[in-house]
């Protein structure tokens, strides 16, 4: 995914935006995702005049901007994800009820 984004961005003289601009774009895209989730899963339906978008489309936009952000800082998102998952798997391993325990307690 990051290579595809880099291949696209590398076609243009402007290149990647600054990290601060990337963060602003990411925040904007997360806001658009929040709006879509609110429309589809919340109490505030879309106005008839509003364009139809999907949560999937907004997640894709976030992934694009996040890839640009990572690329501009020379961060491998796969490595960053592995670090995060290892931390979460270690820190939170006893935080939630495993499905096997839930099934066992339902048998009582």
C-alpha atoms as a PDB file:
ATOM      1  CA  UNK A   1       0.000   0.000   0.000  1.00  0.00           C
ATOM      2  CA  UNK A   2       2.782   2.431   0.914  1.00  0.00           C
ATOM      3  CA  UNK A   3       4.651   1.673  -2.323  1.00  0.00           C
ATOM      4  CA  UNK A   4       1.552   2.304  -4.416  1.00  0.00           C
ATOM      5  CA  UNK A   5       1.019   5.645  -2.658  1.00  0.00           C
ATOM      6  CA  UNK A   6       4.692   6.546  -3.103  1.00  0.00           C
ATOM      7  CA  UNK A   7       4.575   5.640  -6.807  1.00  0.00           C
ATOM      8  CA  UNK A   8       1.595   7.966  -7.195  1.00  0.00           C
ATOM      9  CA  UNK A   9       2.993  10.894  -5.174  1.00  0.00           C
ATOM     10  CA  UNK A  10       6.438  10.586  -6.790  1.00  0.00           C
ATOM     11  CA  UNK A  11       4.944  11.606 -10.139  1.00  0.00           C
ATOM     12  CA  UNK A  12       4.526  15.181  -8.936  1.00  0.00           C
ATOM     13  CA  UNK A  13       7.101  17.876  -8.167  1.00  0.00           C
ATOM     14  CA  UNK A  14       5.263  18.924  -5.015  1.00  0.00           C
ATOM     15  CA  UNK A  15       5.784  15.519  -3.359  1.00  0.00           C
ATOM     16  CA  UNK A  16       4.494  14.929   0.138  1.00  0.00           C
ATOM     17  CA  UNK A  17       2.998  17.663   2.261  1.00  0.00           C
ATOM     18  CA  UNK A  18       4.732  18.619   5.512  1.00  0.00           C
ATOM     19  CA  UNK A  19       4.010  16.467   8.591  1.00  0.00           C
ATOM     20  CA  UNK A  20       1.856  19.219  10.068  1.00  0.00           C
ATOM     21  CA  UNK A  21      -0.227  19.425   6.891  1.00  0.00           C
ATOM     22  CA  UNK A  22      -0.467  15.625   6.815  1.00  0.00           C
ATOM     23  CA  UNK A  23      -1.789  15.648  10.369  1.00  0.00           C
ATOM     24  CA  UNK A  24      -4.363  18.295   9.454  1.00  0.00           C
ATOM     25  CA  UNK A  25      -5.490  16.188   6.467  1.00  0.00           C
ATOM     26  CA  UNK A  26      -5.689  13.066   8.623  1.00  0.00           C
ATOM     27  CA  UNK A  27      -7.786  14.923  11.193  1.00  0.00           C
ATOM     28  CA  UNK A  28     -10.087  16.142   8.419  1.00  0.00           C
ATOM     29  CA  UNK A  29     -10.528  12.618   7.060  1.00  0.00           C
ATOM     30  CA  UNK A  30     -11.240  11.198  10.533  1.00  0.00           C
ATOM     31  CA  UNK A  31     -13.904  13.895  10.907  1.00  0.00           C
ATOM     32  CA  UNK A  32     -15.472  12.797   7.622  1.00  0.00           C
ATOM     33  CA  UNK A  33     -15.462   9.196   8.860  1.00  0.00           C
ATOM     34  CA  UNK A  34     -17.145  10.303  12.089  1.00  0.00           C
ATOM     35  CA  UNK A  35     -19.821  12.074  10.092  1.00  0.00           C
ATOM     36  CA  UNK A  36     -20.507   8.982   7.973  1.00  0.00           C
ATOM     37  CA  UNK A  37     -20.677   6.708  11.025  1.00  0.00           C
ATOM     38  CA  UNK A  38     -23.030   9.175  12.675  1.00  0.00           C
ATOM     39  CA  UNK A  39     -25.295   9.185   9.612  1.00  0.00           C
ATOM     40  CA  UNK A  40     -25.435   5.414   9.192  1.00  0.00           C
ATOM     41  CA  UNK A  41     -25.286   4.294  12.819  1.00  0.00           C
ATOM     42  CA  UNK A  42     -26.393   7.338  14.807  1.00  0.00           C
ATOM     43  CA  UNK A  43     -29.471   9.424  15.288  1.00  0.00           C
ATOM     44  CA  UNK A  44     -28.695  12.087  12.671  1.00  0.00           C
ATOM     45  CA  UNK A  45     -29.639  10.966   9.150  1.00  0.00           C
ATOM     46  CA  UNK A  46     -28.166  12.682   6.116  1.00  0.00           C
ATOM     47  CA  UNK A  47     -29.937  15.605   4.521  1.00  0.00           C
ATOM     48  CA  UNK A  48     -31.410  14.831   1.122  1.00  0.00           C
ATOM     49  CA  UNK A  49     -28.957  17.298  -0.416  1.00  0.00           C
ATOM     50  CA  UNK A  50     -25.877  15.565   1.043  1.00  0.00           C
ATOM     51  CA  UNK A  51     -23.719  13.382  -1.168  1.00  0.00           C
ATOM     52  CA  UNK A  52     -23.793   9.637  -0.510  1.00  0.00           C
ATOM     53  CA  UNK A  53     -20.475   8.384   0.809  1.00  0.00           C
ATOM     54  CA  UNK A  54     -19.636   5.224   2.631  1.00  0.00           C
ATOM     55  CA  UNK A  55     -17.681   4.321   5.716  1.00  0.00           C
ATOM     56  CA  UNK A  56     -15.527   2.161   3.427  1.00  0.00           C
ATOM     57  CA  UNK A  57     -14.666   5.166   1.249  1.00  0.00           C
ATOM     58  CA  UNK A  58     -13.747   7.269   4.270  1.00  0.00           C
ATOM     59  CA  UNK A  59     -11.579   4.488   5.720  1.00  0.00           C
ATOM     60  CA  UNK A  60      -9.813   4.297   2.348  1.00  0.00           C
ATOM     61  CA  UNK A  61      -9.170   8.045   2.434  1.00  0.00           C
ATOM     62  CA  UNK A  62      -7.688   7.698   5.929  1.00  0.00           C
ATOM     63  CA  UNK A  63      -5.453   4.849   4.779  1.00  0.00           C
ATOM     64  CA  UNK A  64      -4.200   6.962   1.858  1.00  0.00           C
ATOM     65  CA  UNK A  65      -3.412   9.978   4.049  1.00  0.00           C
ATOM     66  CA  UNK A  66      -1.858   7.769   6.727  1.00  0.00           C
ATOM     67  CA  UNK A  67       0.342   6.152   4.057  1.00  0.00           C
ATOM     68  CA  UNK A  68       1.403   9.594   2.833  1.00  0.00           C
ATOM     69  CA  UNK A  69       2.171  10.633   6.400  1.00  0.00           C
ATOM     70  CA  UNK A  70       4.236   7.509   7.073  1.00  0.00           C
ATOM     71  CA  UNK A  71       6.060   7.739   3.742  1.00  0.00           C
ATOM     72  CA  UNK A  72       6.932  11.396   4.293  1.00  0.00           C
ATOM     73  CA  UNK A  73       8.580  10.420   7.603  1.00  0.00           C
ATOM     74  CA  UNK A  74      10.160   7.234   6.197  1.00  0.00           C
ATOM     75  CA  UNK A  75       8.122   5.021   8.547  1.00  0.00           C
ATOM     76  CA  UNK A  76       7.249   1.464   7.521  1.00  0.00           C
ATOM     77  CA  UNK A  77       3.606   1.039   8.499  1.00  0.00           C
ATOM     78  CA  UNK A  78       3.952  -2.751   8.739  1.00  0.00           C
ATOM     79  CA  UNK A  79       6.745  -2.361  11.298  1.00  0.00           C
ATOM     80  CA  UNK A  80       4.801   0.309  13.177  1.00  0.00           C
ATOM     81  CA  UNK A  81       1.732  -1.972  13.212  1.00  0.00           C
ATOM     82  CA  UNK A  82       3.801  -4.932  14.484  1.00  0.00           C
ATOM     83  CA  UNK A  83       5.172  -2.792  17.318  1.00  0.00           C
ATOM     84  CA  UNK A  84       1.665  -1.630  18.234  1.00  0.00           C
ATOM     85  CA  UNK A  85       0.177  -5.142  18.107  1.00  0.00           C
ATOM     86  CA  UNK A  86       2.969  -6.589  20.254  1.00  0.00           C
ATOM     87  CA  UNK A  87       2.380  -3.843  22.818  1.00  0.00           C
ATOM     88  CA  UNK A  88      -1.399  -4.384  22.771  1.00  0.00           C
ATOM     89  CA  UNK A  89      -1.155  -8.180  22.871  1.00  0.00           C
ATOM     90  CA  UNK A  90       1.144  -7.928  25.892  1.00  0.00           C
ATOM     91  CA  UNK A  91      -0.484  -5.066  27.776  1.00  0.00           C
ATOM     92  CA  UNK A  92      -4.102  -6.090  27.202  1.00  0.00           C
ATOM     93  CA  UNK A  93      -3.839  -9.886  27.139  1.00  0.00           C
ATOM     94  CA  UNK A  94      -5.849 -10.250  30.377  1.00  0.00           C
ATOM     95  CA  UNK A  95      -8.087  -7.229  29.912  1.00  0.00           C
ATOM     96  CA  UNK A  96     -10.931  -8.928  28.043  1.00  0.00           C
ATOM     97  CA  UNK A  97     -12.866 -12.147  28.514  1.00  0.00           C
ATOM     98  CA  UNK A  98     -11.654 -14.837  26.095  1.00  0.00           C
ATOM     99  CA  UNK A  99     -14.454 -16.407  24.064  1.00  0.00           C
ATOM    100  CA  UNK A 100     -13.538 -19.855  25.410  1.00  0.00           C
ATOM    101  CA  UNK A 101     -14.174 -18.688  28.992  1.00  0.00           C
ATOM    102  CA  UNK A 102     -17.477 -17.134  27.945  1.00  0.00           C
ATOM    103  CA  UNK A 103     -18.571 -20.403  26.321  1.00  0.00           C
ATOM    104  CA  UNK A 104     -17.523 -22.330  29.449  1.00  0.00           C
ATOM    105  CA  UNK A 105     -19.556 -20.047  31.730  1.00  0.00           C
ATOM    106  CA  UNK A 106     -22.635 -20.450  29.485  1.00  0.00           C
ATOM    107  CA  UNK A 107     -22.467 -24.224  29.987  1.00  0.00           C
ATOM    108  CA  UNK A 108     -23.202 -23.833  33.735  1.00  0.00           C
END
